[in-house]
C-alpha atoms as a PDB file:
ATOM      1  CA  MET A   1     117.240  84.740  58.082  1.00  0.00           C
ATOM      2  CA  LYS A   2     115.304  87.385  58.907  1.00  0.00           C
ATOM      3  CA  LYS A   3     114.351  87.784  62.658  1.00  0.00           C
ATOM      4  CA  LYS A   4     110.825  87.267  63.952  1.00  0.00           C
ATOM      5  CA  PRO A   5     109.265  90.021  66.447  1.00  0.00           C
ATOM      6  CA  GLN A   6     108.729  88.806  69.761  1.00  0.00           C
ATOM      7  CA  ARG A   7     106.262  90.047  72.307  1.00  0.00           C
ATOM      8  CA  SER A   8     105.019  89.452  75.805  1.00  0.00           C
ATOM      9  CA  CYS A   9     101.788  88.542  76.969  1.00  0.00           C
ATOM     10  CA  VAL A  10     100.145  90.757  79.801  1.00  0.00           C
ATOM     11  CA  CYS A  11      98.987  88.252  81.490  1.00  0.00           C
ATOM     12  CA  CYS A  12     100.861  85.082  81.296  1.00  0.00           C
ATOM     13  CA  LYS A  13     104.586  87.490  80.285  1.00  0.00           C
ATOM     14  CA  ALA A  14     105.621  84.417  78.094  1.00  0.00           C
ATOM     15  CA  THR A  15     107.956  85.917  75.501  1.00  0.00           C
ATOM     16  CA  ARG A  16     106.614  84.504  71.511  1.00  0.00           C
ATOM     17  CA  ASP A  17     106.344  85.435  68.090  1.00  0.00           C
ATOM     18  CA  LYS A  18     104.659  88.328  67.302  1.00  0.00           C
ATOM     19  CA  GLY A  19     101.910  86.468  64.751  1.00  0.00           C
ATOM     20  CA  ASP A  20     101.434  84.159  67.738  1.00  0.00           C
ATOM     21  CA  LEU A  21     100.245  86.600  70.241  1.00  0.00           C
ATOM     22  CA  LEU A  22      96.711  88.929  70.040  1.00  0.00           C
ATOM     23  CA  ARG A  23      97.249  92.358  69.869  1.00  0.00           C
ATOM     24  CA  VAL A  24      94.189  94.916  71.520  1.00  0.00           C
ATOM     25  CA  VAL A  25      95.198  98.841  70.289  1.00  0.00           C
ATOM     26  CA  SER A  26      94.050 101.888  71.862  1.00  0.00           C
ATOM     27  CA  LEU A  27      93.241 104.200  68.957  1.00  0.00           C
ATOM     28  CA  ALA A  28      93.640 108.249  68.527  1.00  0.00           C
ATOM     29  CA  ASP A  29      90.070 108.227  69.094  1.00  0.00           C
ATOM     30  CA  GLY A  30      89.735 106.637  72.964  1.00  0.00           C
ATOM     31  CA  SER A  31      88.427 103.424  71.320  1.00  0.00           C
ATOM     32  CA  ILE A  32      89.600  99.638  71.876  1.00  0.00           C
ATOM     33  CA  VAL A  33      89.432  97.158  69.371  1.00  0.00           C
ATOM     34  CA  TYR A  34      90.738  93.926  68.562  1.00  0.00           C
ATOM     35  CA  ASP A  35      93.517  94.338  65.921  1.00  0.00           C
ATOM     36  CA  PRO A  36      93.877  90.950  63.618  1.00  0.00           C
ATOM     37  CA  THR A  37      96.314  92.388  61.252  1.00  0.00           C
ATOM     38  CA  GLY A  38      98.722  93.628  64.194  1.00  0.00           C
ATOM     39  CA  LYS A  39      99.479  96.331  62.270  1.00  0.00           C
ATOM     40  CA  ALA A  40      97.168  99.146  63.098  1.00  0.00           C
ATOM     41  CA  PRO A  41      98.021 102.539  64.390  1.00  0.00           C
ATOM     42  CA  GLY A  42      98.053 103.216  68.429  1.00  0.00           C
ATOM     43  CA  ARG A  43      98.927 101.840  71.556  1.00  0.00           C
ATOM     44  CA  GLY A  44      98.925  97.803  71.854  1.00  0.00           C
ATOM     45  CA  SER A  45      99.148  95.355  74.089  1.00  0.00           C
ATOM     46  CA  TYR A  46      99.495  91.320  73.741  1.00  0.00           C
ATOM     47  CA  LEU A  47      97.407  88.438  74.856  1.00  0.00           C
ATOM     48  CA  CYS A  48      98.005  84.834  74.327  1.00  0.00           C
ATOM     49  CA  ARG A  49      96.154  83.007  71.768  1.00  0.00           C
ATOM     50  CA  ASN A  50      95.504  80.959  75.230  1.00  0.00           C
ATOM     51  CA  GLU A  51      91.439  80.925  76.200  1.00  0.00           C
ATOM     52  CA  GLU A  52      93.083  81.140  80.029  1.00  0.00           C
ATOM     53  CA  CYS A  53      94.703  84.306  79.693  1.00  0.00           C
ATOM     54  CA  ILE A  54      92.031  85.893  77.282  1.00  0.00           C
ATOM     55  CA  LYS A  55      89.442  84.681  80.446  1.00  0.00           C
ATOM     56  CA  THR A  56      91.467  85.907  82.977  1.00  0.00           C
ATOM     57  CA  GLU A  57      92.789  89.301  81.806  1.00  0.00           C
ATOM     58  CA  LEU A  58      89.597  90.924  79.997  1.00  0.00           C
ATOM     59  CA  LYS A  59      87.899  89.903  83.833  1.00  0.00           C
ATOM     60  CA  LYS A  60      89.759  92.906  85.635  1.00  0.00           C
ATOM     61  CA  ALA A  61      91.693  94.082  82.648  1.00  0.00           C
ATOM     62  CA  ALA A  62      93.855  95.332  84.735  1.00  0.00           C
ATOM     63  CA  ARG A  63      97.838  94.581  82.968  1.00  0.00           C
ATOM     64  CA  LEU A  64      95.913  95.633  79.524  1.00  0.00           C
ATOM     65  CA  SER A  65      95.119  98.597  80.995  1.00  0.00           C
ATOM     66  CA  ARG A  66      98.328  99.346  81.885  1.00  0.00           C
ATOM     67  CA  GLY A  67      99.808  97.940  78.663  1.00  0.00           C
ATOM     68  CA  LEU A  68      96.755 100.489  76.818  1.00  0.00           C
ATOM     69  CA  ARG A  69      97.574 103.636  79.696  1.00  0.00           C
ATOM     70  CA  ARG A  70      94.388 103.420  79.404  1.00  0.00           C
ATOM     71  CA  THR A  71      91.119 102.310  81.379  1.00  0.00           C
ATOM     72  CA  ILE A  72      88.746  99.676  79.809  1.00  0.00           C
ATOM     73  CA  THR A  73      85.381 100.115  80.425  1.00  0.00           C
ATOM     74  CA  ASP A  74      83.858  97.014  81.180  1.00  0.00           C
ATOM     75  CA  GLU A  75      81.308  96.730  78.247  1.00  0.00           C
ATOM     76  CA  GLU A  76      84.753  96.958  76.164  1.00  0.00           C
ATOM     77  CA  ALA A  77      86.433  93.963  78.130  1.00  0.00           C
ATOM     78  CA  LYS A  78      83.261  92.034  77.455  1.00  0.00           C
ATOM     79  CA  ALA A  79      83.312  92.861  73.447  1.00  0.00           C
ATOM     80  CA  LEU A  80      86.968  92.131  73.325  1.00  0.00           C
ATOM     81  CA  ALA A  81      86.892  88.823  74.958  1.00  0.00           C
ATOM     82  CA  GLN A  82      83.916  87.044  72.797  1.00  0.00           C
ATOM     83  CA  GLU A  83      86.449  88.473  69.883  1.00  0.00           C
ATOM     84  CA  MET A  84      89.534  87.398  71.211  1.00  0.00           C
ATOM     85  CA  LEU A  85      87.887  84.058  72.021  1.00  0.00           C
ATOM     86  CA  ALA A  86      86.212  83.659  68.775  1.00  0.00           C
ATOM     87  CA  ALA A  87      89.692  84.514  67.102  1.00  0.00           C
ATOM     88  CA  ALA A  88      91.309  81.906  69.090  1.00  0.00           C
ATOM     89  CA  GLU A  89      89.214  79.846  68.462  1.00  0.00           C
ATOM     90  CA  LYS A  90      89.459  80.005  64.804  1.00  0.00           C
ATOM     91  CA  ALA A  91      93.023  79.565  64.882  1.00  0.00           C
ATOM     92  CA  GLY A  92      93.212  76.347  67.091  1.00  0.00           C
ATOM     93  CA  SER A  93      90.704  75.071  64.325  1.00  0.00           C
ATOM     94  CA  ASP A  94      92.936  76.324  61.423  1.00  0.00           C
ATOM     95  CA  GLU A  95      95.979  74.227  63.522  1.00  0.00           C
ATOM     96  CA  ARG A  96      94.281  70.756  62.936  1.00  0.00           C
END
């Protein structure tokens, strides 16, 4: 049986399967985007699908900035929060 890759949430530090986390990636052009496929090229950081982790981290984005090695602006943080909360909500409704 093949091992599943493990990653840690930058907010709560919980270790989970890579597919159970949401990935944020810093692209070569300097933009920061939510990566729903988990395969986009660039430096990535992971957050739980938990609404608390997303909201808590994207208020300050300090740990996420450190993980991506780039400063995140307030506008980028707000856009990421909206996208990721929608993805987490969709994933939660798919599990039911």
